[in-house]
Amino acid sequence: MSKNKLKSMPKFKSEDEEREFWATHDSTDYFDKSKMFKARFPNLKPSTKTISIRLPEYLIEKLKILANKRDVPYQSLLKMFLAEKVEDELHTAK
């Protein structure tokens, strides 16, 4: 769509309404792509959610040993291992 034919931006009553709108509409119909730039948020931390997971005690002990060797908390090491495995699985699934 040329920039002369950009659609006007609707007014939203809530974030939920806006989310629903963008789930079904193309942003290039509303914004001039030539004026866009890549945003950087260097201090933005990803959202986290606390979960409960039951692990065998021997596995936790092994994690603690490995984490101690790397001088990191075992929960952090577990997150690193999990993230690496998920990425591996996603790449091999393609």
N, C-alpha and C. Protein backbone atom coordinates (compact mmCIF):
# COMPACT_ATOMS: atom_id res chain seq x y z
N MET A 1 0.85 -1.17 0.00
CA MET A 1 0.00 0.00 0.00
C MET A 1 0.90 1.23 0.00
N SER A 2 0.63 2.19 -0.88
CA SER A 2 1.46 3.39 -0.91
C SER A 2 1.14 4.28 0.28
N LYS A 3 2.08 5.19 0.59
CA LYS A 3 1.88 6.00 1.79
C LYS A 3 0.72 6.98 1.64
N ASN A 4 0.29 7.27 0.40
CA ASN A 4 -0.87 8.13 0.19
C ASN A 4 -2.15 7.44 0.61
N LYS A 5 -2.16 6.14 0.61
CA LYS A 5 -3.37 5.38 0.89
C LYS A 5 -3.34 4.71 2.26
N LEU A 6 -2.57 5.24 3.19
CA LEU A 6 -2.52 4.66 4.53
C LEU A 6 -3.86 4.83 5.21
N LYS A 7 -4.28 3.81 5.92
CA LYS A 7 -5.53 3.87 6.67
C LYS A 7 -5.31 4.67 7.95
N SER A 8 -6.38 5.31 8.43
CA SER A 8 -6.24 6.07 9.67
C SER A 8 -6.28 5.11 10.86
N MET A 9 -5.52 5.46 11.90
CA MET A 9 -5.40 4.62 13.08
C MET A 9 -6.67 4.71 13.92
N PRO A 10 -7.26 3.57 14.26
CA PRO A 10 -8.45 3.60 15.13
C PRO A 10 -8.07 3.95 16.56
N LYS A 11 -9.02 4.40 17.34
CA LYS A 11 -8.83 4.66 18.77
C LYS A 11 -9.25 3.40 19.51
N PHE A 12 -8.44 3.00 20.48
CA PHE A 12 -8.73 1.78 21.23
C PHE A 12 -9.16 2.13 22.65
N LYS A 13 -10.12 1.39 23.16
CA LYS A 13 -10.62 1.62 24.51
C LYS A 13 -9.77 0.89 25.56
N SER A 14 -9.03 -0.13 25.12
CA SER A 14 -8.22 -0.91 26.06
C SER A 14 -7.08 -1.59 25.30
N GLU A 15 -6.12 -2.09 26.06
CA GLU A 15 -5.02 -2.83 25.44
C GLU A 15 -5.54 -4.13 24.82
N ASP A 16 -6.52 -4.75 25.48
CA ASP A 16 -7.10 -5.98 24.92
C ASP A 16 -7.72 -5.72 23.56
N GLU A 17 -8.43 -4.62 23.44
CA GLU A 17 -9.05 -4.26 22.16
C GLU A 17 -7.99 -4.03 21.09
N GLU A 18 -6.91 -3.35 21.48
CA GLU A 18 -5.82 -3.11 20.53
C GLU A 18 -5.15 -4.42 20.11
N ARG A 19 -4.92 -5.31 21.09
CA ARG A 19 -4.31 -6.61 20.79
C ARG A 19 -5.16 -7.39 19.79
N GLU A 20 -6.47 -7.41 20.01
CA GLU A 20 -7.38 -8.11 19.10
C GLU A 20 -7.33 -7.51 17.70
N PHE A 21 -7.26 -6.18 17.64
CA PHE A 21 -7.18 -5.50 16.35
C PHE A 21 -5.93 -5.91 15.58
N TRP A 22 -4.76 -5.82 16.24
CA TRP A 22 -3.51 -6.12 15.53
C TRP A 22 -3.35 -7.59 15.21
N ALA A 23 -4.07 -8.45 15.90
CA ALA A 23 -4.03 -9.88 15.58
C ALA A 23 -4.68 -10.17 14.23
N THR A 24 -5.51 -9.24 13.75
CA THR A 24 -6.24 -9.48 12.50
C THR A 24 -5.99 -8.42 11.43
N HIS A 25 -5.07 -7.48 11.68
CA HIS A 25 -4.80 -6.42 10.71
C HIS A 25 -3.30 -6.31 10.45
N ASP A 26 -2.97 -5.83 9.26
CA ASP A 26 -1.57 -5.66 8.85
C ASP A 26 -1.11 -4.24 9.16
N SER A 27 -0.04 -4.12 9.94
CA SER A 27 0.44 -2.80 10.35
C SER A 27 0.92 -1.95 9.16
N THR A 28 1.32 -2.59 8.06
CA THR A 28 1.79 -1.82 6.90
C THR A 28 0.65 -1.06 6.22
N ASP A 29 -0.59 -1.36 6.56
CA ASP A 29 -1.73 -0.59 6.05
C ASP A 29 -1.88 0.73 6.81
N TYR A 30 -1.22 0.85 7.97
CA TYR A 30 -1.41 1.99 8.86
C TYR A 30 -0.14 2.82 9.07
N PHE A 31 1.02 2.26 8.75
CA PHE A 31 2.29 2.95 8.98
C PHE A 31 3.12 2.97 7.72
N ASP A 32 3.83 4.08 7.51
CA ASP A 32 4.74 4.21 6.37
C ASP A 32 6.02 3.46 6.69
N LYS A 33 6.23 2.35 6.00
CA LYS A 33 7.38 1.49 6.26
C LYS A 33 8.71 2.21 6.07
N SER A 34 8.75 3.18 5.19
CA SER A 34 10.02 3.89 4.92
C SER A 34 10.45 4.75 6.11
N LYS A 35 9.54 5.04 7.03
CA LYS A 35 9.87 5.85 8.20
C LYS A 35 10.12 5.01 9.45
N MET A 36 10.07 3.70 9.30
CA MET A 36 10.27 2.82 10.46
C MET A 36 11.76 2.63 10.73
N PHE A 37 12.08 2.36 11.98
CA PHE A 37 13.45 2.06 12.37
C PHE A 37 13.42 0.98 13.43
N LYS A 38 14.53 0.29 13.57
CA LYS A 38 14.62 -0.79 14.53
C LYS A 38 14.81 -0.21 15.93
N ALA A 39 13.94 -0.58 16.84
CA ALA A 39 14.03 -0.11 18.23
C ALA A 39 14.95 -1.03 19.02
N ARG A 40 15.66 -0.46 19.96
CA ARG A 40 16.53 -1.24 20.84
C ARG A 40 16.18 -0.91 22.27
N PHE A 41 16.07 -1.94 23.09
CA PHE A 41 15.76 -1.79 24.50
C PHE A 41 16.81 -2.58 25.30
N PRO A 42 18.01 -2.02 25.46
CA PRO A 42 19.10 -2.78 26.07
C PRO A 42 18.88 -3.17 27.53
N ASN A 43 18.07 -2.43 28.25
CA ASN A 43 17.88 -2.72 29.67
C ASN A 43 16.58 -3.46 29.96
N LEU A 44 15.87 -3.84 28.92
CA LEU A 44 14.60 -4.54 29.09
C LEU A 44 14.85 -6.00 29.45
N LYS A 45 14.28 -6.44 30.55
CA LYS A 45 14.44 -7.83 30.97
C LYS A 45 13.20 -8.61 30.56
N PRO A 46 13.38 -9.83 30.05
CA PRO A 46 12.21 -10.61 29.64
C PRO A 46 11.31 -10.93 30.83
N SER A 47 10.05 -11.02 30.54
CA SER A 47 9.09 -11.39 31.59
C SER A 47 9.37 -12.82 32.05
N THR A 48 9.19 -13.05 33.31
CA THR A 48 9.36 -14.40 33.83
C THR A 48 8.09 -14.81 34.57
N LYS A 49 7.91 -16.09 34.68
CA LYS A 49 6.77 -16.64 35.39
C LYS A 49 7.27 -17.74 36.30
N THR A 50 6.87 -17.70 37.53
CA THR A 50 7.27 -18.73 38.48
C THR A 50 6.44 -19.98 38.25
N ILE A 51 7.13 -21.11 38.17
CA ILE A 51 6.44 -22.39 38.04
C ILE A 51 6.97 -23.34 39.12
N SER A 52 6.23 -24.37 39.33
CA SER A 52 6.67 -25.40 40.26
C SER A 52 6.92 -26.66 39.46
N ILE A 53 8.07 -27.25 39.67
CA ILE A 53 8.42 -28.48 38.94
C ILE A 53 9.04 -29.46 39.92
N ARG A 54 8.60 -30.68 39.87
CA ARG A 54 9.15 -31.70 40.76
C ARG A 54 10.27 -32.44 40.03
N LEU A 55 11.45 -32.43 40.66
CA LEU A 55 12.61 -33.10 40.10
C LEU A 55 13.13 -34.10 41.13
N PRO A 56 13.68 -35.20 40.65
CA PRO A 56 14.28 -36.15 41.59
C PRO A 56 15.45 -35.48 42.34
N GLU A 57 15.60 -35.83 43.61
CA GLU A 57 16.66 -35.22 44.42
C GLU A 57 18.04 -35.42 43.82
N TYR A 58 18.28 -36.62 43.25
CA TYR A 58 19.61 -36.87 42.68
C TYR A 58 19.91 -35.90 41.55
N LEU A 59 18.88 -35.53 40.77
CA LEU A 59 19.07 -34.61 39.65
C LEU A 59 19.40 -33.21 40.17
N ILE A 60 18.72 -32.79 41.21
CA ILE A 60 18.99 -31.49 41.81
C ILE A 60 20.42 -31.45 42.36
N GLU A 61 20.84 -32.54 43.01
CA GLU A 61 22.20 -32.60 43.54
C GLU A 61 23.24 -32.51 42.42
N LYS A 62 22.99 -33.22 41.32
CA LYS A 62 23.92 -33.16 40.18
C LYS A 62 23.95 -31.75 39.59
N LEU A 63 22.77 -31.11 39.50
CA LEU A 63 22.72 -29.74 39.02
C LEU A 63 23.53 -28.80 39.92
N LYS A 64 23.40 -29.00 41.22
CA LYS A 64 24.13 -28.16 42.17
C LYS A 64 25.64 -28.33 42.02
N ILE A 65 26.08 -29.57 41.79
CA ILE A 65 27.51 -29.82 41.58
C ILE A 65 28.01 -29.11 40.33
N LEU A 66 27.25 -29.27 39.22
CA LEU A 66 27.64 -28.60 37.97
C LEU A 66 27.60 -27.09 38.11
N ALA A 67 26.58 -26.58 38.79
CA ALA A 67 26.45 -25.14 38.97
C ALA A 67 27.60 -24.59 39.82
N ASN A 68 27.98 -25.34 40.84
CA ASN A 68 29.09 -24.92 41.69
C ASN A 68 30.38 -24.82 40.88
N LYS A 69 30.61 -25.75 39.97
CA LYS A 69 31.80 -25.72 39.12
C LYS A 69 31.81 -24.48 38.22
N ARG A 70 30.61 -24.02 37.84
CA ARG A 70 30.50 -22.84 36.97
C ARG A 70 30.28 -21.56 37.76
N ASP A 71 30.16 -21.70 39.06
CA ASP A 71 29.95 -20.55 39.95
C ASP A 71 28.68 -19.78 39.59
N VAL A 72 27.60 -20.53 39.37
CA VAL A 72 26.27 -19.94 39.12
C VAL A 72 25.26 -20.66 40.00
N PRO A 73 24.14 -20.02 40.30
CA PRO A 73 23.08 -20.72 41.05
C PRO A 73 22.53 -21.88 40.22
N TYR A 74 22.15 -22.96 40.88
CA TYR A 74 21.69 -24.13 40.12
C TYR A 74 20.41 -23.84 39.35
N GLN A 75 19.55 -22.94 39.86
CA GLN A 75 18.33 -22.61 39.12
C GLN A 75 18.67 -21.90 37.81
N SER A 76 19.70 -21.07 37.84
CA SER A 76 20.14 -20.38 36.62
C SER A 76 20.72 -21.38 35.62
N LEU A 77 21.48 -22.33 36.12
CA LEU A 77 22.03 -23.35 35.24
C LEU A 77 20.92 -24.18 34.61
N LEU A 78 19.92 -24.51 35.40
CA LEU A 78 18.78 -25.27 34.89
C LEU A 78 18.08 -24.49 33.77
N LYS A 79 17.90 -23.18 33.95
CA LYS A 79 17.27 -22.35 32.91
C LYS A 79 18.13 -22.33 31.65
N MET A 80 19.46 -22.24 31.83
CA MET A 80 20.35 -22.23 30.67
C MET A 80 20.25 -23.56 29.91
N PHE A 81 20.30 -24.67 30.64
CA PHE A 81 20.19 -25.98 29.99
C PHE A 81 18.86 -26.13 29.27
N LEU A 82 17.79 -25.72 29.91
CA LEU A 82 16.46 -25.84 29.33
C LEU A 82 16.35 -24.97 28.07
N ALA A 83 16.84 -23.74 28.13
CA ALA A 83 16.79 -22.85 26.97
C ALA A 83 17.58 -23.42 25.79
N GLU A 84 18.78 -23.97 26.08
CA GLU A 84 19.61 -24.56 25.02
C GLU A 84 18.89 -25.74 24.37
N LYS A 85 18.31 -26.59 25.18
CA LYS A 85 17.63 -27.78 24.65
C LYS A 85 16.41 -27.40 23.82
N VAL A 86 15.65 -26.43 24.30
CA VAL A 86 14.47 -25.99 23.55
C VAL A 86 14.89 -25.43 22.19
N GLU A 87 15.93 -24.60 22.17
CA GLU A 87 16.42 -24.05 20.90
C GLU A 87 16.90 -25.17 19.97
N ASP A 88 17.64 -26.13 20.50
CA ASP A 88 18.09 -27.27 19.69
C ASP A 88 16.91 -28.01 19.07
N GLU A 89 15.91 -28.28 19.89
CA GLU A 89 14.73 -29.01 19.41
C GLU A 89 13.98 -28.22 18.35
N LEU A 90 13.87 -26.91 18.53
CA LEU A 90 13.17 -26.08 17.54
C LEU A 90 13.92 -26.05 16.21
N HIS A 91 15.25 -26.01 16.29
CA HIS A 91 16.03 -25.97 15.05
C HIS A 91 16.04 -27.31 14.32
N THR A 92 16.02 -28.40 15.06
CA THR A 92 16.02 -29.71 14.41
C THR A 92 14.63 -30.07 13.89
N ALA A 93 13.59 -29.44 14.43
CA ALA A 93 12.22 -29.72 13.98
C ALA A 93 11.93 -29.11 12.62
N LYS A 94 12.74 -28.11 12.20
CA LYS A 94 12.49 -27.41 10.92
C LYS A 94 12.85 -28.23 9.75
